[in-house]
Amino acid sequence: MAYFNIADATFSQSISTQDASPQGMAWNNDGSKLYEIGLISDKIYEYDVSTAYDISTASYSQSISTQGTIPTGIAWNNDGSKLYEIGFGSIYEYDVAPPTSNLTGISTLTGVSSITF
């Protein structure tokens, strides 16, 4: 089987999104969290995933507001300490604090910087 080859892909399943116009998604490194960025709501949504990378086991967890008003994509750095949002003319960087017993995922965002084009 040739992985990473869309010619060999077959549709498997879908889930409903929190936003009516999702613009992008990203996974954390172990597939236990899925993130969606929405254009209509200007929010980043987090889903808990009970079986790694299996969207059928995803359940909505929480959301935060985006920095930009036209968000179009998100990405994480390798260790999860930075979250990046891209929007119309800007890239925003979020600092993510290490998880504690009562704070996890996107609720631990601590600061934002941006690059404007």
C-alpha atoms as a PDB file:
ATOM      1  CA  MET A   1       0.000   0.000   0.000  1.00  0.00           C
ATOM      2  CA  ALA A   2       1.333   3.427  -0.942  1.00  0.00           C
ATOM      3  CA  TYR A   3       0.728   5.844   1.931  1.00  0.00           C
ATOM      4  CA  PHE A   4       0.617   9.603   1.261  1.00  0.00           C
ATOM      5  CA  ASN A   5      -0.768   8.906  -2.216  1.00  0.00           C
ATOM      6  CA  ILE A   6      -4.230  10.406  -2.799  1.00  0.00           C
ATOM      7  CA  ALA A   7      -4.748   8.129  -5.806  1.00  0.00           C
ATOM      8  CA  ASP A   8      -5.094   5.233  -3.318  1.00  0.00           C
ATOM      9  CA  ALA A   9      -7.459   7.088  -0.952  1.00  0.00           C
ATOM     10  CA  THR A  10     -11.039   5.982  -0.343  1.00  0.00           C
ATOM     11  CA  PHE A  11     -13.603   7.951   1.666  1.00  0.00           C
ATOM     12  CA  SER A  12     -14.035   6.600   5.188  1.00  0.00           C
ATOM     13  CA  GLN A  13     -16.121   8.913   7.404  1.00  0.00           C
ATOM     14  CA  SER A  14     -16.996  12.485   8.369  1.00  0.00           C
ATOM     15  CA  ILE A  15     -18.039  14.492  11.418  1.00  0.00           C
ATOM     16  CA  SER A  16     -19.845  17.804  11.814  1.00  0.00           C
ATOM     17  CA  THR A  17     -17.719  20.867  12.540  1.00  0.00           C
ATOM     18  CA  GLN A  18     -18.405  23.534  15.164  1.00  0.00           C
ATOM     19  CA  ASP A  19     -18.109  26.342  12.588  1.00  0.00           C
ATOM     20  CA  ALA A  20     -20.239  26.571   9.431  1.00  0.00           C
ATOM     21  CA  SER A  21     -17.157  27.566   7.400  1.00  0.00           C
ATOM     22  CA  PRO A  22     -14.107  25.684   8.713  1.00  0.00           C
ATOM     23  CA  GLN A  23     -10.875  26.898   7.125  1.00  0.00           C
ATOM     24  CA  GLY A  24      -8.328  24.443   8.450  1.00  0.00           C
ATOM     25  CA  MET A  25      -7.473  21.739  10.916  1.00  0.00           C
ATOM     26  CA  ALA A  26      -4.466  20.377  12.760  1.00  0.00           C
ATOM     27  CA  TRP A  27      -3.665  17.433  15.021  1.00  0.00           C
ATOM     28  CA  ASN A  28      -1.470  17.337  18.097  1.00  0.00           C
ATOM     29  CA  ASN A  29       1.504  14.962  17.869  1.00  0.00           C
ATOM     30  CA  ASP A  30      -0.159  11.879  19.350  1.00  0.00           C
ATOM     31  CA  GLY A  31      -3.577  12.245  17.659  1.00  0.00           C
ATOM     32  CA  SER A  32      -5.466  12.777  20.931  1.00  0.00           C
ATOM     33  CA  LYS A  33      -6.508  16.360  20.057  1.00  0.00           C
ATOM     34  CA  LEU A  34      -7.939  17.774  16.848  1.00  0.00           C
ATOM     35  CA  TYR A  35      -8.146  21.520  16.175  1.00  0.00           C
ATOM     36  CA  GLU A  36     -10.454  23.349  13.754  1.00  0.00           C
ATOM     37  CA  ILE A  37     -10.268  27.019  12.776  1.00  0.00           C
ATOM     38  CA  GLY A  38     -13.526  28.679  11.793  1.00  0.00           C
ATOM     39  CA  LEU A  39     -14.129  31.675   9.548  1.00  0.00           C
ATOM     40  CA  ILE A  40     -17.713  32.467  10.621  1.00  0.00           C
ATOM     41  CA  SER A  41     -17.039  32.459  14.368  1.00  0.00           C
ATOM     42  CA  ASP A  42     -13.363  33.554  14.297  1.00  0.00           C
ATOM     43  CA  LYS A  43     -12.559  30.741  16.737  1.00  0.00           C
ATOM     44  CA  ILE A  44     -10.185  27.833  17.168  1.00  0.00           C
ATOM     45  CA  TYR A  45     -12.008  24.718  18.380  1.00  0.00           C
ATOM     46  CA  GLU A  46     -10.449  21.807  20.238  1.00  0.00           C
ATOM     47  CA  TYR A  47     -11.761  18.238  20.132  1.00  0.00           C
ATOM     48  CA  ASP A  48     -10.733  15.364  22.404  1.00  0.00           C
ATOM     49  CA  VAL A  49     -10.119  12.177  20.418  1.00  0.00           C
ATOM     50  CA  SER A  50     -10.349   8.888  22.349  1.00  0.00           C
ATOM     51  CA  THR A  51      -8.801   6.723  19.591  1.00  0.00           C
ATOM     52  CA  ALA A  52      -5.767   8.442  18.077  1.00  0.00           C
ATOM     53  CA  TYR A  53      -6.433  10.082  14.700  1.00  0.00           C
ATOM     54  CA  ASP A  54      -9.953   8.570  14.498  1.00  0.00           C
ATOM     55  CA  ILE A  55     -12.394  11.435  13.894  1.00  0.00           C
ATOM     56  CA  SER A  56     -15.372   9.215  14.751  1.00  0.00           C
ATOM     57  CA  THR A  57     -14.179   9.323  18.391  1.00  0.00           C
ATOM     58  CA  ALA A  58     -13.791  13.132  18.478  1.00  0.00           C
ATOM     59  CA  SER A  59     -15.859  15.193  20.904  1.00  0.00           C
ATOM     60  CA  TYR A  60     -15.876  18.985  21.179  1.00  0.00           C
ATOM     61  CA  SER A  61     -13.910  20.240  24.179  1.00  0.00           C
ATOM     62  CA  GLN A  62     -13.403  24.039  24.121  1.00  0.00           C
ATOM     63  CA  SER A  63     -12.677  27.073  21.940  1.00  0.00           C
ATOM     64  CA  ILE A  64     -10.793  30.358  21.925  1.00  0.00           C
ATOM     65  CA  SER A  65     -11.224  33.461  19.789  1.00  0.00           C
ATOM     66  CA  THR A  66      -8.763  34.026  16.961  1.00  0.00           C
ATOM     67  CA  GLN A  67      -6.603  37.136  16.763  1.00  0.00           C
ATOM     68  CA  GLY A  68      -7.469  37.826  13.128  1.00  0.00           C
ATOM     69  CA  THR A  69     -10.901  38.417  11.655  1.00  0.00           C
ATOM     70  CA  ILE A  70     -10.335  36.245   8.573  1.00  0.00           C
ATOM     71  CA  PRO A  71      -8.573  33.124   9.930  1.00  0.00           C
ATOM     72  CA  THR A  72      -7.592  30.607   7.268  1.00  0.00           C
ATOM     73  CA  GLY A  73      -5.276  28.057   8.875  1.00  0.00           C
ATOM     74  CA  ILE A  74      -3.508  26.753  11.981  1.00  0.00           C
ATOM     75  CA  ALA A  75      -0.384  24.752  12.770  1.00  0.00           C
ATOM     76  CA  TRP A  76       1.528  23.623  15.867  1.00  0.00           C
ATOM     77  CA  ASN A  77       5.268  23.441  16.441  1.00  0.00           C
ATOM     78  CA  ASN A  78       6.676  19.981  17.258  1.00  0.00           C
ATOM     79  CA  ASP A  79       6.448  20.155  21.049  1.00  0.00           C
ATOM     80  CA  GLY A  80       3.092  21.959  21.329  1.00  0.00           C
ATOM     81  CA  SER A  81       4.539  25.088  22.940  1.00  0.00           C
ATOM     82  CA  LYS A  82       3.545  27.316  20.000  1.00  0.00           C
ATOM     83  CA  LEU A  83       0.321  27.569  17.998  1.00  0.00           C
ATOM     84  CA  TYR A  84       0.245  29.510  14.724  1.00  0.00           C
ATOM     85  CA  GLU A  85      -2.777  31.101  13.068  1.00  0.00           C
ATOM     86  CA  ILE A  86      -2.699  32.512   9.556  1.00  0.00           C
ATOM     87  CA  GLY A  87      -5.216  35.025   8.338  1.00  0.00           C
ATOM     88  CA  PHE A  88      -5.601  37.796   5.816  1.00  0.00           C
ATOM     89  CA  GLY A  89      -2.174  39.464   5.747  1.00  0.00           C
ATOM     90  CA  SER A  90      -0.918  38.210   9.140  1.00  0.00           C
ATOM     91  CA  ILE A  91       0.542  35.219  10.958  1.00  0.00           C
ATOM     92  CA  TYR A  92      -0.150  35.084  14.704  1.00  0.00           C
ATOM     93  CA  GLU A  93       1.962  33.138  17.187  1.00  0.00           C
ATOM     94  CA  TYR A  94       0.503  31.940  20.485  1.00  0.00           C
ATOM     95  CA  ASP A  95       2.643  30.851  23.440  1.00  0.00           C
ATOM     96  CA  VAL A  96       1.215  27.743  25.125  1.00  0.00           C
ATOM     97  CA  ALA A  97       1.993  27.116  28.785  1.00  0.00           C
ATOM     98  CA  PRO A  98       2.740  23.549  29.918  1.00  0.00           C
ATOM     99  CA  PRO A  99      -0.427  21.693  31.002  1.00  0.00           C
ATOM    100  CA  THR A 100      -1.274  21.628  34.694  1.00  0.00           C
ATOM    101  CA  SER A 101      -3.796  19.508  36.554  1.00  0.00           C
ATOM    102  CA  ASN A 102      -6.654  21.907  35.761  1.00  0.00           C
ATOM    103  CA  LEU A 103      -5.537  23.497  32.483  1.00  0.00           C
ATOM    104  CA  THR A 104      -5.067  21.584  29.236  1.00  0.00           C
ATOM    105  CA  GLY A 105      -4.918  22.231  25.523  1.00  0.00           C
ATOM    106  CA  ILE A 106      -5.777  25.636  24.112  1.00  0.00           C
ATOM    107  CA  SER A 107      -6.945  26.967  27.474  1.00  0.00           C
ATOM    108  CA  THR A 108      -3.255  27.395  28.377  1.00  0.00           C
ATOM    109  CA  LEU A 109      -2.469  30.051  25.743  1.00  0.00           C
ATOM    110  CA  THR A 110      -0.446  32.825  27.348  1.00  0.00           C
ATOM    111  CA  GLY A 111       0.560  35.385  24.739  1.00  0.00           C
ATOM    112  CA  VAL A 112       0.332  36.390  21.111  1.00  0.00           C
ATOM    113  CA  SER A 113       2.716  38.034  18.686  1.00  0.00           C
ATOM    114  CA  SER A 114       2.135  38.650  15.008  1.00  0.00           C
ATOM    115  CA  ILE A 115       3.803  39.239  11.680  1.00  0.00           C
ATOM    116  CA  THR A 116       1.869  41.405   9.230  1.00  0.00           C
ATOM    117  CA  PHE A 117       2.437  41.309   5.481  1.00  0.00           C
END
